Amino acid sequence: MSPETEGVESLTRDLAEVSAVELITTVSVHLLSAAALRCGLAEDGEEYQDLDEARTIINALAGLVTAAAPDLGDTHARALRDGLRSVQLAFREASVIPDAPGDGPGEKYTGAVS
C-alpha cells in the first residue's frame, strides 16, 4: 500500500469516527470565525475586512445552520444561531450602504436581523 493510500484511509477512518453533529458544529464554527474576520472583527480588523467575502460566508453559514438545526438539538442550534446573528449584525454595522431589512447576508434563510 502506498503512503498516499494509507493517508486517505487514515483520513477516512478519522471522519468515520466523528458524529454528524460534531462535524456540522465544527464546520459552522470555522465559517463563523471566517465571517467575523471578513467583517473586520479581528485585532487588525481593517486589514482583513472584505464584505463581499463575508456575505458569501454568512449566506453559506445561514443555509447550513437553518437546514441542520432540527438535527442538531436545541443547545447546539441556539449557539450557532446566536453566532450567526452576531456576524450578520457585524456585517450590517460594517456596511457603508446597509442592505434593506431582509436583504442582508443570510436573511433569506433567517429572516430580517435587527
PDB file of N, CA and C in Angstrom:
ATOM      1  N   MET A   1       0.857  -1.172   0.000  1.00  0.00           N
ATOM      2  CA  MET A   1       0.000   0.000   0.000  1.00  0.00           C
ATOM      3  C   MET A   1       0.902   1.234   0.000  1.00  0.00           C
ATOM      4  N   SER A   2       0.580   2.196  -0.861  1.00  0.00           N
ATOM      5  CA  SER A   2       1.396   3.401  -0.980  1.00  0.00           C
ATOM      6  C   SER A   2       1.106   4.343   0.186  1.00  0.00           C
ATOM      7  N   PRO A   3       2.056   5.238   0.476  1.00  0.00           N
ATOM      8  CA  PRO A   3       1.825   6.215   1.549  1.00  0.00           C
ATOM      9  C   PRO A   3       0.586   7.090   1.289  1.00  0.00           C
ATOM     10  N   GLU A   4       0.315   7.394   0.011  1.00  0.00           N
ATOM     11  CA  GLU A   4      -0.874   8.181  -0.331  1.00  0.00           C
ATOM     12  C   GLU A   4      -2.146   7.445   0.047  1.00  0.00           C
ATOM     13  N   THR A   5      -2.207   6.160  -0.297  1.00  0.00           N
ATOM     14  CA  THR A   5      -3.379   5.344   0.010  1.00  0.00           C
ATOM     15  C   THR A   5      -3.560   5.219   1.516  1.00  0.00           C
ATOM     16  N   GLU A   6      -2.476   5.040   2.241  1.00  0.00           N
ATOM     17  CA  GLU A   6      -2.562   4.954   3.701  1.00  0.00           C
ATOM     18  C   GLU A   6      -3.086   6.250   4.299  1.00  0.00           C
ATOM     19  N   GLY A   7      -2.653   7.380   3.754  1.00  0.00           N
ATOM     20  CA  GLY A   7      -3.113   8.677   4.246  1.00  0.00           C
ATOM     21  C   GLY A   7      -4.599   8.872   4.029  1.00  0.00           C
ATOM     22  N   VAL A   8      -5.088   8.483   2.859  1.00  0.00           N
ATOM     23  CA  VAL A   8      -6.515   8.605   2.551  1.00  0.00           C
ATOM     24  C   VAL A   8      -7.318   7.689   3.467  1.00  0.00           C
ATOM     25  N   GLU A   9      -6.855   6.473   3.669  1.00  0.00           N
ATOM     26  CA  GLU A   9      -7.569   5.546   4.548  1.00  0.00           C
ATOM     27  C   GLU A   9      -7.598   6.059   5.984  1.00  0.00           C
ATOM     28  N   SER A  10      -6.503   6.668   6.415  1.00  0.00           N
ATOM     29  CA  SER A  10      -6.450   7.221   7.762  1.00  0.00           C
ATOM     30  C   SER A  10      -7.457   8.368   7.916  1.00  0.00           C
ATOM     31  N   LEU A  11      -7.519   9.253   6.922  1.00  0.00           N
ATOM     32  CA  LEU A  11      -8.485  10.351   6.964  1.00  0.00           C
ATOM     33  C   LEU A  11      -9.916   9.828   6.937  1.00  0.00           C
ATOM     34  N   THR A  12     -10.163   8.805   6.160  1.00  0.00           N
ATOM     35  CA  THR A  12     -11.500   8.211   6.082  1.00  0.00           C
ATOM     36  C   THR A  12     -11.894   7.635   7.435  1.00  0.00           C
ATOM     37  N   ARG A  13     -10.966   6.918   8.087  1.00  0.00           N
ATOM     38  CA  ARG A  13     -11.254   6.372   9.421  1.00  0.00           C
ATOM     39  C   ARG A  13     -11.517   7.503  10.403  1.00  0.00           C
ATOM     40  N   ASP A  14     -10.719   8.582  10.347  1.00  0.00           N
ATOM     41  CA  ASP A  14     -10.909   9.708  11.260  1.00  0.00           C
ATOM     42  C   ASP A  14     -12.289  10.336  11.069  1.00  0.00           C
ATOM     43  N   LEU A  15     -12.707  10.549   9.830  1.00  0.00           N
ATOM     44  CA  LEU A  15     -14.018  11.136   9.566  1.00  0.00           C
ATOM     45  C   LEU A  15     -15.141  10.208  10.007  1.00  0.00           C
ATOM     46  N   ALA A  16     -14.931   8.917   9.869  1.00  0.00           N
ATOM     47  CA  ALA A  16     -15.958   7.952  10.253  1.00  0.00           C
ATOM     48  C   ALA A  16     -16.208   7.958  11.759  1.00  0.00           C
ATOM     49  N   GLU A  17     -15.237   8.411  12.525  1.00  0.00           N
ATOM     50  CA  GLU A  17     -15.364   8.432  13.979  1.00  0.00           C
ATOM     51  C   GLU A  17     -16.022   9.701  14.506  1.00  0.00           C
ATOM     52  N   VAL A  18     -16.280  10.679  13.640  1.00  0.00           N
ATOM     53  CA  VAL A  18     -16.856  11.959  14.048  1.00  0.00           C
ATOM     54  C   VAL A  18     -18.354  11.938  13.782  1.00  0.00           C
ATOM     55  N   SER A  19     -19.121  12.316  14.791  1.00  0.00           N
ATOM     56  CA  SER A  19     -20.582  12.338  14.605  1.00  0.00           C
ATOM     57  C   SER A  19     -20.971  13.481  13.672  1.00  0.00           C
ATOM     58  N   ALA A  20     -22.143  13.358  13.086  1.00  0.00           N
ATOM     59  CA  ALA A  20     -22.652  14.394  12.176  1.00  0.00           C
ATOM     60  C   ALA A  20     -22.789  15.732  12.899  1.00  0.00           C
ATOM     61  N   VAL A  21     -23.298  15.707  14.121  1.00  0.00           N
ATOM     62  CA  VAL A  21     -23.477  16.942  14.893  1.00  0.00           C
ATOM     63  C   VAL A  21     -22.127  17.612  15.128  1.00  0.00           C
ATOM     64  N   GLU A  22     -21.125  16.833  15.492  1.00  0.00           N
ATOM     65  CA  GLU A  22     -19.796  17.394  15.728  1.00  0.00           C
ATOM     66  C   GLU A  22     -19.201  17.967  14.449  1.00  0.00           C
ATOM     67  N   LEU A  23     -19.371  17.274  13.354  1.00  0.00           N
ATOM     68  CA  LEU A  23     -18.847  17.745  12.071  1.00  0.00           C
ATOM     69  C   LEU A  23     -19.526  19.052  11.653  1.00  0.00           C
ATOM     70  N   ILE A  24     -20.847  19.103  11.725  1.00  0.00           N
ATOM     71  CA  ILE A  24     -21.584  20.309  11.348  1.00  0.00           C
ATOM     72  C   ILE A  24     -21.223  21.471  12.269  1.00  0.00           C
ATOM     73  N   THR A  25     -21.123  21.205  13.543  1.00  0.00           N
ATOM     74  CA  THR A  25     -20.763  22.253  14.500  1.00  0.00           C
ATOM     75  C   THR A  25     -19.358  22.784  14.231  1.00  0.00           C
ATOM     76  N   THR A  26     -18.416  21.893  13.978  1.00  0.00           N
ATOM     77  CA  THR A  26     -17.041  22.303  13.700  1.00  0.00           C
ATOM     78  C   THR A  26     -16.958  23.151  12.436  1.00  0.00           C
ATOM     79  N   VAL A  27     -17.606  22.710  11.378  1.00  0.00           N
ATOM     80  CA  VAL A  27     -17.609  23.473  10.127  1.00  0.00           C
ATOM     81  C   VAL A  27     -18.263  24.836  10.358  1.00  0.00           C
ATOM     82  N   SER A  28     -19.353  24.864  11.102  1.00  0.00           N
ATOM     83  CA  SER A  28     -20.049  26.123  11.379  1.00  0.00           C
ATOM     84  C   SER A  28     -19.171  27.095  12.162  1.00  0.00           C
ATOM     85  N   VAL A  29     -18.431  26.588  13.128  1.00  0.00           N
ATOM     86  CA  VAL A  29     -17.535  27.450  13.909  1.00  0.00           C
ATOM     87  C   VAL A  29     -16.432  28.023  13.018  1.00  0.00           C
ATOM     88  N   HIS A  30     -15.918  27.221  12.098  1.00  0.00           N
ATOM     89  CA  HIS A  30     -14.916  27.730  11.151  1.00  0.00           C
ATOM     90  C   HIS A  30     -15.521  28.820  10.262  1.00  0.00           C
ATOM     91  N   LEU A  31     -16.734  28.606   9.789  1.00  0.00           N
ATOM     92  CA  LEU A  31     -17.403  29.619   8.974  1.00  0.00           C
ATOM     93  C   LEU A  31     -17.681  30.884   9.786  1.00  0.00           C
ATOM     94  N   LEU A  32     -18.094  30.732  11.038  1.00  0.00           N
ATOM     95  CA  LEU A  32     -18.309  31.889  11.908  1.00  0.00           C
ATOM     96  C   LEU A  32     -17.023  32.686  12.090  1.00  0.00           C
ATOM     97  N   SER A  33     -15.933  31.995  12.321  1.00  0.00           N
ATOM     98  CA  SER A  33     -14.641  32.662  12.508  1.00  0.00           C
ATOM     99  C   SER A  33     -14.226  33.409  11.249  1.00  0.00           C
ATOM    100  N   ALA A  34     -14.400  32.760  10.101  1.00  0.00           N
ATOM    101  CA  ALA A  34     -14.043  33.396   8.830  1.00  0.00           C
ATOM    102  C   ALA A  34     -14.926  34.606   8.562  1.00  0.00           C
ATOM    103  N   ALA A  35     -16.215  34.493   8.854  1.00  0.00           N
ATOM    104  CA  ALA A  35     -17.131  35.621   8.645  1.00  0.00           C
ATOM    105  C   ALA A  35     -16.772  36.789   9.556  1.00  0.00           C
ATOM    106  N   ALA A  36     -16.476  36.502  10.806  1.00  0.00           N
ATOM    107  CA  ALA A  36     -16.080  37.561  11.743  1.00  0.00           C
ATOM    108  C   ALA A  36     -14.817  38.266  11.262  1.00  0.00           C
ATOM    109  N   LEU A  37     -13.861  37.492  10.810  1.00  0.00           N
ATOM    110  CA  LEU A  37     -12.616  38.058  10.284  1.00  0.00           C
ATOM    111  C   LEU A  37     -12.902  38.971   9.099  1.00  0.00           C
ATOM    112  N   ARG A  38     -13.731  38.509   8.171  1.00  0.00           N
ATOM    113  CA  ARG A  38     -14.047  39.285   6.958  1.00  0.00           C
ATOM    114  C   ARG A  38     -14.945  40.484   7.260  1.00  0.00           C
ATOM    115  N   CYS A  39     -15.637  40.460   8.392  1.00  0.00           N
ATOM    116  CA  CYS A  39     -16.430  41.628   8.802  1.00  0.00           C
ATOM    117  C   CYS A  39     -15.568  42.664   9.516  1.00  0.00           C
ATOM    118  N   GLY A  40     -14.311  42.334   9.721  1.00  0.00           N
ATOM    119  CA  GLY A  40     -13.395  43.278  10.348  1.00  0.00           C
ATOM    120  C   GLY A  40     -13.331  43.175  11.857  1.00  0.00           C
ATOM    121  N   LEU A  41     -13.730  42.045  12.419  1.00  0.00           N
ATOM    122  CA  LEU A  41     -13.764  41.892  13.869  1.00  0.00           C
ATOM    123  C   LEU A  41     -12.465  41.353  14.468  1.00  0.00           C
ATOM    124  N   ALA A  42     -11.450  41.136  13.648  1.00  0.00           N
ATOM    125  CA  ALA A  42     -10.163  40.653  14.156  1.00  0.00           C
ATOM    126  C   ALA A  42      -9.399  41.809  14.793  1.00  0.00           C
ATOM    127  N   GLU A  43      -8.315  41.485  15.473  1.00  0.00           N
ATOM    128  CA  GLU A  43      -7.495  42.505  16.124  1.00  0.00           C
ATOM    129  C   GLU A  43      -7.062  43.583  15.129  1.00  0.00           C
ATOM    130  N   ASP A  44      -6.581  43.180  13.979  1.00  0.00           N
ATOM    131  CA  ASP A  44      -6.230  44.107  12.902  1.00  0.00           C
ATOM    132  C   ASP A  44      -7.349  44.081  11.872  1.00  0.00           C
ATOM    133  N   GLY A  45      -8.557  44.340  12.324  1.00  0.00           N
ATOM    134  CA  GLY A  45      -9.771  44.132  11.549  1.00  0.00           C
ATOM    135  C   GLY A  45      -9.781  44.697  10.154  1.00  0.00           C
ATOM    136  N   GLU A  46      -9.385  45.939   9.999  1.00  0.00           N
ATOM    137  CA  GLU A  46      -9.474  46.565   8.681  1.00  0.00           C
ATOM    138  C   GLU A  46      -8.585  45.882   7.653  1.00  0.00           C
ATOM    139  N   GLU A  47      -7.504  45.305   8.104  1.00  0.00           N
ATOM    140  CA  GLU A  47      -6.584  44.611   7.187  1.00  0.00           C
ATOM    141  C   GLU A  47      -7.255  43.407   6.525  1.00  0.00           C
ATOM    142  N   TYR A  48      -8.146  42.746   7.247  1.00  0.00           N
ATOM    143  CA  TYR A  48      -8.774  41.518   6.752  1.00  0.00           C
ATOM    144  C   TYR A  48     -10.212  41.716   6.282  1.00  0.00           C
ATOM    145  N   GLN A  49     -10.760  42.897   6.491  1.00  0.00           N
ATOM    146  CA  GLN A  49     -12.161  43.128   6.147  1.00  0.00           C
ATOM    147  C   GLN A  49     -12.388  43.013   4.641  1.00  0.00           C
ATOM    148  N   ASP A  50     -13.374  42.225   4.287  1.00  0.00           N
ATOM    149  CA  ASP A  50     -13.785  42.050   2.896  1.00  0.00           C
ATOM    150  C   ASP A  50     -15.258  41.650   2.937  1.00  0.00           C
ATOM    151  N   LEU A  51     -16.124  42.634   2.769  1.00  0.00           N
ATOM    152  CA  LEU A  51     -17.550  42.385   2.947  1.00  0.00           C
ATOM    153  C   LEU A  51     -18.153  41.508   1.855  1.00  0.00           C
ATOM    154  N   ASP A  52     -17.581  41.514   0.662  1.00  0.00           N
ATOM    155  CA  ASP A  52     -18.062  40.590  -0.378  1.00  0.00           C
ATOM    156  C   ASP A  52     -17.828  39.147   0.055  1.00  0.00           C
ATOM    157  N   GLU A  53     -16.637  38.877   0.579  1.00  0.00           N
ATOM    158  CA  GLU A  53     -16.324  37.535   1.081  1.00  0.00           C
ATOM    159  C   GLU A  53     -17.204  37.211   2.284  1.00  0.00           C
ATOM    160  N   ALA A  54     -17.373  38.176   3.176  1.00  0.00           N
ATOM    161  CA  ALA A  54     -18.198  37.957   4.370  1.00  0.00           C
ATOM    162  C   ALA A  54     -19.624  37.591   3.982  1.00  0.00           C
ATOM    163  N   ARG A  55     -20.174  38.278   2.986  1.00  0.00           N
ATOM    164  CA  ARG A  55     -21.551  37.994   2.545  1.00  0.00           C
ATOM    165  C   ARG A  55     -21.673  36.535   2.089  1.00  0.00           C
ATOM    166  N   THR A  56     -20.721  36.083   1.303  1.00  0.00           N
ATOM    167  CA  THR A  56     -20.755  34.705   0.800  1.00  0.00           C
ATOM    168  C   THR A  56     -20.677  33.702   1.944  1.00  0.00           C
ATOM    169  N   ILE A  57     -19.779  33.951   2.869  1.00  0.00           N
ATOM    170  CA  ILE A  57     -19.608  33.038   4.010  1.00  0.00           C
ATOM    171  C   ILE A  57     -20.859  33.027   4.881  1.00  0.00           C
ATOM    172  N   ILE A  58     -21.413  34.192   5.161  1.00  0.00           N
ATOM    173  CA  ILE A  58     -22.614  34.276   6.010  1.00  0.00           C
ATOM    174  C   ILE A  58     -23.796  33.601   5.336  1.00  0.00           C
ATOM    175  N   ASN A  59     -23.941  33.770   4.034  1.00  0.00           N
ATOM    176  CA  ASN A  59     -25.023  33.072   3.316  1.00  0.00           C
ATOM    177  C   ASN A  59     -24.880  31.559   3.464  1.00  0.00           C
ATOM    178  N   ALA A  60     -23.660  31.046   3.286  1.00  0.00           N
ATOM    179  CA  ALA A  60     -23.431  29.603   3.414  1.00  0.00           C
ATOM    180  C   ALA A  60     -23.699  29.126   4.836  1.00  0.00           C
ATOM    181  N   LEU A  61     -23.229  29.888   5.798  1.00  0.00           N
ATOM    182  CA  LEU A  61     -23.438  29.536   7.203  1.00  0.00           C
ATOM    183  C   LEU A  61     -24.923  29.528   7.549  1.00  0.00           C
ATOM    184  N   ALA A  62     -25.653  30.539   7.100  1.00  0.00           N
ATOM    185  CA  ALA A  62     -27.087  30.612   7.389  1.00  0.00           C
ATOM    186  C   ALA A  62     -27.834  29.424   6.791  1.00  0.00           C
ATOM    187  N   GLY A  63     -27.468  29.054   5.570  1.00  0.00           N
ATOM    188  CA  GLY A  63     -28.101  27.893   4.947  1.00  0.00           C
ATOM    189  C   GLY A  63     -27.810  26.616   5.715  1.00  0.00           C
ATOM    190  N   LEU A  64     -26.557  26.448   6.117  1.00  0.00           N
ATOM    191  CA  LEU A  64     -26.165  25.251   6.863  1.00  0.00           C
ATOM    192  C   LEU A  64     -26.868  25.185   8.215  1.00  0.00           C
ATOM    193  N   VAL A  65     -26.823  26.272   8.956  1.00  0.00           N
ATOM    194  CA  VAL A  65     -27.424  26.278  10.296  1.00  0.00           C
ATOM    195  C   VAL A  65     -28.940  26.069  10.217  1.00  0.00           C
ATOM    196  N   THR A  66     -29.582  26.736   9.283  1.00  0.00           N
ATOM    197  CA  THR A  66     -31.037  26.602   9.142  1.00  0.00           C
ATOM    198  C   THR A  66     -31.425  25.176   8.762  1.00  0.00           C
ATOM    199  N   ALA A  67     -30.705  24.602   7.821  1.00  0.00           N
ATOM    200  CA  ALA A  67     -31.026  23.245   7.376  1.00  0.00           C
ATOM    201  C   ALA A  67     -30.720  22.202   8.448  1.00  0.00           C
ATOM    202  N   ALA A  68     -29.644  22.400   9.190  1.00  0.00           N
ATOM    203  CA  ALA A  68     -29.204  21.389  10.152  1.00  0.00           C
ATOM    204  C   ALA A  68     -29.837  21.537  11.528  1.00  0.00           C
ATOM    205  N   ALA A  69     -30.409  22.691  11.835  1.00  0.00           N
ATOM    206  CA  ALA A  69     -30.921  22.964  13.186  1.00  0.00           C
ATOM    207  C   ALA A  69     -31.824  21.865  13.746  1.00  0.00           C
ATOM    208  N   PRO A  70     -32.772  21.329  12.978  1.00  0.00           N
ATOM    209  CA  PRO A  70     -33.628  20.290  13.561  1.00  0.00           C
ATOM    210  C   PRO A  70     -32.863  19.043  14.016  1.00  0.00           C
ATOM    211  N   ASP A  71     -31.739  18.770  13.387  1.00  0.00           N
ATOM    212  CA  ASP A  71     -30.952  17.587  13.742  1.00  0.00           C
ATOM    213  C   ASP A  71     -29.886  17.862  14.792  1.00  0.00           C
ATOM    214  N   LEU A  72     -29.580  19.129  15.030  1.00  0.00           N
ATOM    215  CA  LEU A  72     -28.501  19.477  15.950  1.00  0.00           C
ATOM    216  C   LEU A  72     -28.922  19.461  17.406  1.00  0.00           C
ATOM    217  N   GLY A  73     -30.189  19.653  17.640  1.00  0.00           N
ATOM    218  CA  GLY A  73     -30.655  19.780  19.015  1.00  0.00           C
ATOM    219  C   GLY A  73     -30.607  21.236  19.433  1.00  0.00           C
ATOM    220  N   ASP A  74     -31.399  21.574  20.411  1.00  0.00           N
ATOM    221  CA  ASP A  74     -31.584  22.966  20.814  1.00  0.00           C
ATOM    222  C   ASP A  74     -30.293  23.644  21.260  1.00  0.00           C
ATOM    223  N   THR A  75     -29.485  22.981  22.054  1.00  0.00           N
ATOM    224  CA  THR A  75     -28.275  23.604  22.594  1.00  0.00           C
ATOM    225  C   THR A  75     -27.306  24.004  21.490  1.00  0.00           C
ATOM    226  N   HIS A  76     -27.006  23.082  20.591  1.00  0.00           N
ATOM    227  CA  HIS A  76     -26.072  23.381  19.502  1.00  0.00           C
ATOM    228  C   HIS A  76     -26.668  24.397  18.531  1.00  0.00           C
ATOM    229  N   ALA A  77     -27.918  24.200  18.159  1.00  0.00           N
ATOM    230  CA  ALA A  77     -28.555  25.090  17.191  1.00  0.00           C
ATOM    231  C   ALA A  77     -28.645  26.512  17.735  1.00  0.00           C
ATOM    232  N   ARG A  78     -28.995  26.663  18.988  1.00  0.00           N
ATOM    233  CA  ARG A  78     -29.116  28.000  19.577  1.00  0.00           C
ATOM    234  C   ARG A  78     -27.772  28.722  19.569  1.00  0.00           C
ATOM    235  N   ALA A  79     -26.712  28.033  19.942  1.00  0.00           N
ATOM    236  CA  ALA A  79     -25.382  28.662  19.957  1.00  0.00           C
ATOM    237  C   ALA A  79     -24.967  29.097  18.551  1.00  0.00           C
ATOM    238  N   LEU A  80     -25.235  28.255  17.570  1.00  0.00           N
ATOM    239  CA  LEU A  80     -24.874  28.603  16.191  1.00  0.00           C
ATOM    240  C   LEU A  80     -25.742  29.742  15.667  1.00  0.00           C
ATOM    241  N   ARG A  81     -27.015  29.735  16.010  1.00  0.00           N
ATOM    242  CA  ARG A  81     -27.890  30.843  15.584  1.00  0.00           C
ATOM    243  C   ARG A  81     -27.438  32.167  16.202  1.00  0.00           C
ATOM    244  N   ASP A  82     -27.027  32.121  17.475  1.00  0.00           N
ATOM    245  CA  ASP A  82     -26.538  33.335  18.138  1.00  0.00           C
ATOM    246  C   ASP A  82     -25.288  33.864  17.456  1.00  0.00           C
ATOM    247  N   GLY A  83     -24.373  32.954  17.135  1.00  0.00           N
ATOM    248  CA  GLY A  83     -23.152  33.360  16.438  1.00  0.00           C
ATOM    249  C   GLY A  83     -23.456  33.917  15.062  1.00  0.00           C
ATOM    250  N   LEU A  84     -24.363  33.269  14.360  1.00  0.00           N
ATOM    251  CA  LEU A  84     -24.770  33.734  13.038  1.00  0.00           C
ATOM    252  C   LEU A  84     -25.368  35.128  13.127  1.00  0.00           C
ATOM    253  N   ARG A  85     -26.255  35.336  14.064  1.00  0.00           N
ATOM    254  CA  ARG A  85     -26.867  36.661  14.240  1.00  0.00           C
ATOM    255  C   ARG A  85     -25.802  37.714  14.526  1.00  0.00           C
ATOM    256  N   SER A  86     -24.812  37.359  15.325  1.00  0.00           N
ATOM    257  CA  SER A  86     -23.734  38.301  15.661  1.00  0.00           C
ATOM    258  C   SER A  86     -22.960  38.733  14.418  1.00  0.00           C
ATOM    259  N   VAL A  87     -22.625  37.781  13.538  1.00  0.00           N
ATOM    260  CA  VAL A  87     -21.876  38.178  12.337  1.00  0.00           C
ATOM    261  C   VAL A  87     -22.779  38.911  11.345  1.00  0.00           C
ATOM    262  N   GLN A  88     -24.067  38.579  11.334  1.00  0.00           N
ATOM    263  CA  GLN A  88     -24.998  39.326  10.476  1.00  0.00           C
ATOM    264  C   GLN A  88     -25.068  40.789  10.934  1.00  0.00           C
ATOM    265  N   LEU A  89     -25.135  41.009  12.237  1.00  0.00           N
ATOM    266  CA  LEU A  89     -25.169  42.376  12.762  1.00  0.00           C
ATOM    267  C   LEU A  89     -23.847  43.092  12.532  1.00  0.00           C
ATOM    268  N   ALA A  90     -22.740  42.377  12.683  1.00  0.00           N
ATOM    269  CA  ALA A  90     -21.421  42.968  12.426  1.00  0.00           C
ATOM    270  C   ALA A  90     -21.303  43.387  10.966  1.00  0.00           C
ATOM    271  N   PHE A  91     -21.826  42.562  10.081  1.00  0.00           N
ATOM    272  CA  PHE A  91     -21.823  42.898   8.660  1.00  0.00           C
ATOM    273  C   PHE A  91     -22.627  44.178   8.429  1.00  0.00           C
ATOM    274  N   ARG A  92     -23.790  44.261   9.024  1.00  0.00           N
ATOM    275  CA  ARG A  92     -24.653  45.435   8.859  1.00  0.00           C
ATOM    276  C   ARG A  92     -23.933  46.697   9.353  1.00  0.00           C
ATOM    277  N   GLU A  93     -23.270  46.599  10.496  1.00  0.00           N
ATOM    278  CA  GLU A  93     -22.537  47.740  11.049  1.00  0.00           C
ATOM    279  C   GLU A  93     -21.362  48.147  10.169  1.00  0.00           C
ATOM    280  N   ALA A  94     -20.706  47.183   9.555  1.00  0.00           N
ATOM    281  CA  ALA A  94     -19.526  47.464   8.737  1.00  0.00           C
ATOM    282  C   ALA A  94     -19.879  47.991   7.351  1.00  0.00           C
ATOM    283  N   SER A  95     -21.122  47.789   6.929  1.00  0.00           N
ATOM    284  CA  SER A  95     -21.536  48.193   5.589  1.00  0.00           C
ATOM    285  C   SER A  95     -21.721  49.709   5.500  1.00  0.00           C
ATOM    286  N   VAL A  96     -21.131  50.293   4.469  1.00  0.00           N
ATOM    287  CA  VAL A  96     -21.301  51.724   4.232  1.00  0.00           C
ATOM    288  C   VAL A  96     -22.725  51.996   3.754  1.00  0.00           C
ATOM    289  N   ILE A  97     -23.220  51.129   2.883  1.00  0.00           N
ATOM    290  CA  ILE A  97     -24.591  51.227   2.386  1.00  0.00           C
ATOM    291  C   ILE A  97     -25.326  49.978   2.869  1.00  0.00           C
ATOM    292  N   PRO A  98     -26.112  50.130   3.939  1.00  0.00           N
ATOM    293  CA  PRO A  98     -26.769  48.947   4.514  1.00  0.00           C
ATOM    294  C   PRO A  98     -27.799  48.325   3.569  1.00  0.00           C
ATOM    295  N   ASP A  99     -27.919  47.019   3.666  1.00  0.00           N
ATOM    296  CA  ASP A  99     -28.954  46.293   2.928  1.00  0.00           C
ATOM    297  C   ASP A  99     -30.307  46.610   3.547  1.00  0.00           C
ATOM    298  N   ALA A 100     -31.346  46.524   2.742  1.00  0.00           N
ATOM    299  CA  ALA A 100     -32.705  46.664   3.263  1.00  0.00           C
ATOM    300  C   ALA A 100     -32.987  45.503   4.214  1.00  0.00           C
ATOM    301  N   PRO A 101     -33.840  45.722   5.217  1.00  0.00           N
ATOM    302  CA  PRO A 101     -34.175  44.612   6.113  1.00  0.00           C
ATOM    303  C   PRO A 101     -34.665  43.397   5.315  1.00  0.00           C
ATOM    304  N   GLY A 102     -34.109  42.257   5.618  1.00  0.00           N
ATOM    305  CA  GLY A 102     -34.455  41.021   4.918  1.00  0.00           C
ATOM    306  C   GLY A 102     -33.569  40.722   3.730  1.00  0.00           C
ATOM    307  N   ASP A 103     -32.751  41.703   3.309  1.00  0.00           N
ATOM    308  CA  ASP A 103     -31.861  41.509   2.159  1.00  0.00           C
ATOM    309  C   ASP A 103     -30.403  41.329   2.552  1.00  0.00           C
ATOM    310  N   GLY A 104     -30.092  41.369   3.824  1.00  0.00           N
ATOM    311  CA  GLY A 104     -28.713  41.195   4.287  1.00  0.00           C
ATOM    312  C   GLY A 104     -28.260  39.765   4.109  1.00  0.00           C
ATOM    313  N   PRO A 105     -26.976  39.526   4.322  1.00  0.00           N
ATOM    314  CA  PRO A 105     -26.456  38.166   4.139  1.00  0.00           C
ATOM    315  C   PRO A 105     -27.146  37.165   5.066  1.00  0.00           C
ATOM    316  N   GLY A 106     -27.594  36.095   4.468  1.00  0.00           N
ATOM    317  CA  GLY A 106     -28.229  35.009   5.213  1.00  0.00           C
ATOM    318  C   GLY A 106     -29.671  35.251   5.593  1.00  0.00           C
ATOM    319  N   GLU A 107     -30.169  36.468   5.377  1.00  0.00           N
ATOM    320  CA  GLU A 107     -31.516  36.785   5.847  1.00  0.00           C
ATOM    321  C   GLU A 107     -32.616  36.088   5.061  1.00  0.00           C
ATOM    322  N   LYS A 108     -32.301  35.582   3.866  1.00  0.00           N
ATOM    323  CA  LYS A 108     -33.327  34.809   3.172  1.00  0.00           C
ATOM    324  C   LYS A 108     -33.570  33.473   3.880  1.00  0.00           C
ATOM    325  N   TYR A 109     -32.620  33.064   4.719  1.00  0.00           N
ATOM    326  CA  TYR A 109     -32.782  31.833   5.494  1.00  0.00           C
ATOM    327  C   TYR A 109     -33.244  32.106   6.926  1.00  0.00           C
ATOM    328  N   THR A 110     -32.820  33.244   7.485  1.00  0.00           N
ATOM    329  CA  THR A 110     -33.073  33.523   8.901  1.00  0.00           C
ATOM    330  C   THR A 110     -34.177  34.535   9.142  1.00  0.00           C
ATOM    331  N   GLY A 111     -34.565  35.251   8.108  1.00  0.00           N
ATOM    332  CA  GLY A 111     -35.455  36.389   8.301  1.00  0.00           C
ATOM    333  C   GLY A 111     -34.624  37.617   8.633  1.00  0.00           C
ATOM    334  N   ALA A 112     -35.253  38.765   8.653  1.00  0.00           N
ATOM    335  CA  ALA A 112     -34.548  40.018   8.910  1.00  0.00           C
ATOM    336  C   ALA A 112     -33.912  39.998  10.293  1.00  0.00           C
ATOM    337  N   VAL A 113     -32.706  40.539  10.370  1.00  0.00           N
ATOM    338  CA  VAL A 113     -31.961  40.596  11.629  1.00  0.00           C
ATOM    339  C   VAL A 113     -31.885  42.052  12.060  1.00  0.00           C
ATOM    340  N   SER A 114     -32.228  42.296  13.324  1.00  0.00           N
ATOM    341  CA  SER A 114     -32.126  43.678  13.832  1.00  0.00           C
ATOM    342  C   SER A 114     -31.572  43.679  15.228  1.00  0.00           C
TER     343      SER A 114
END
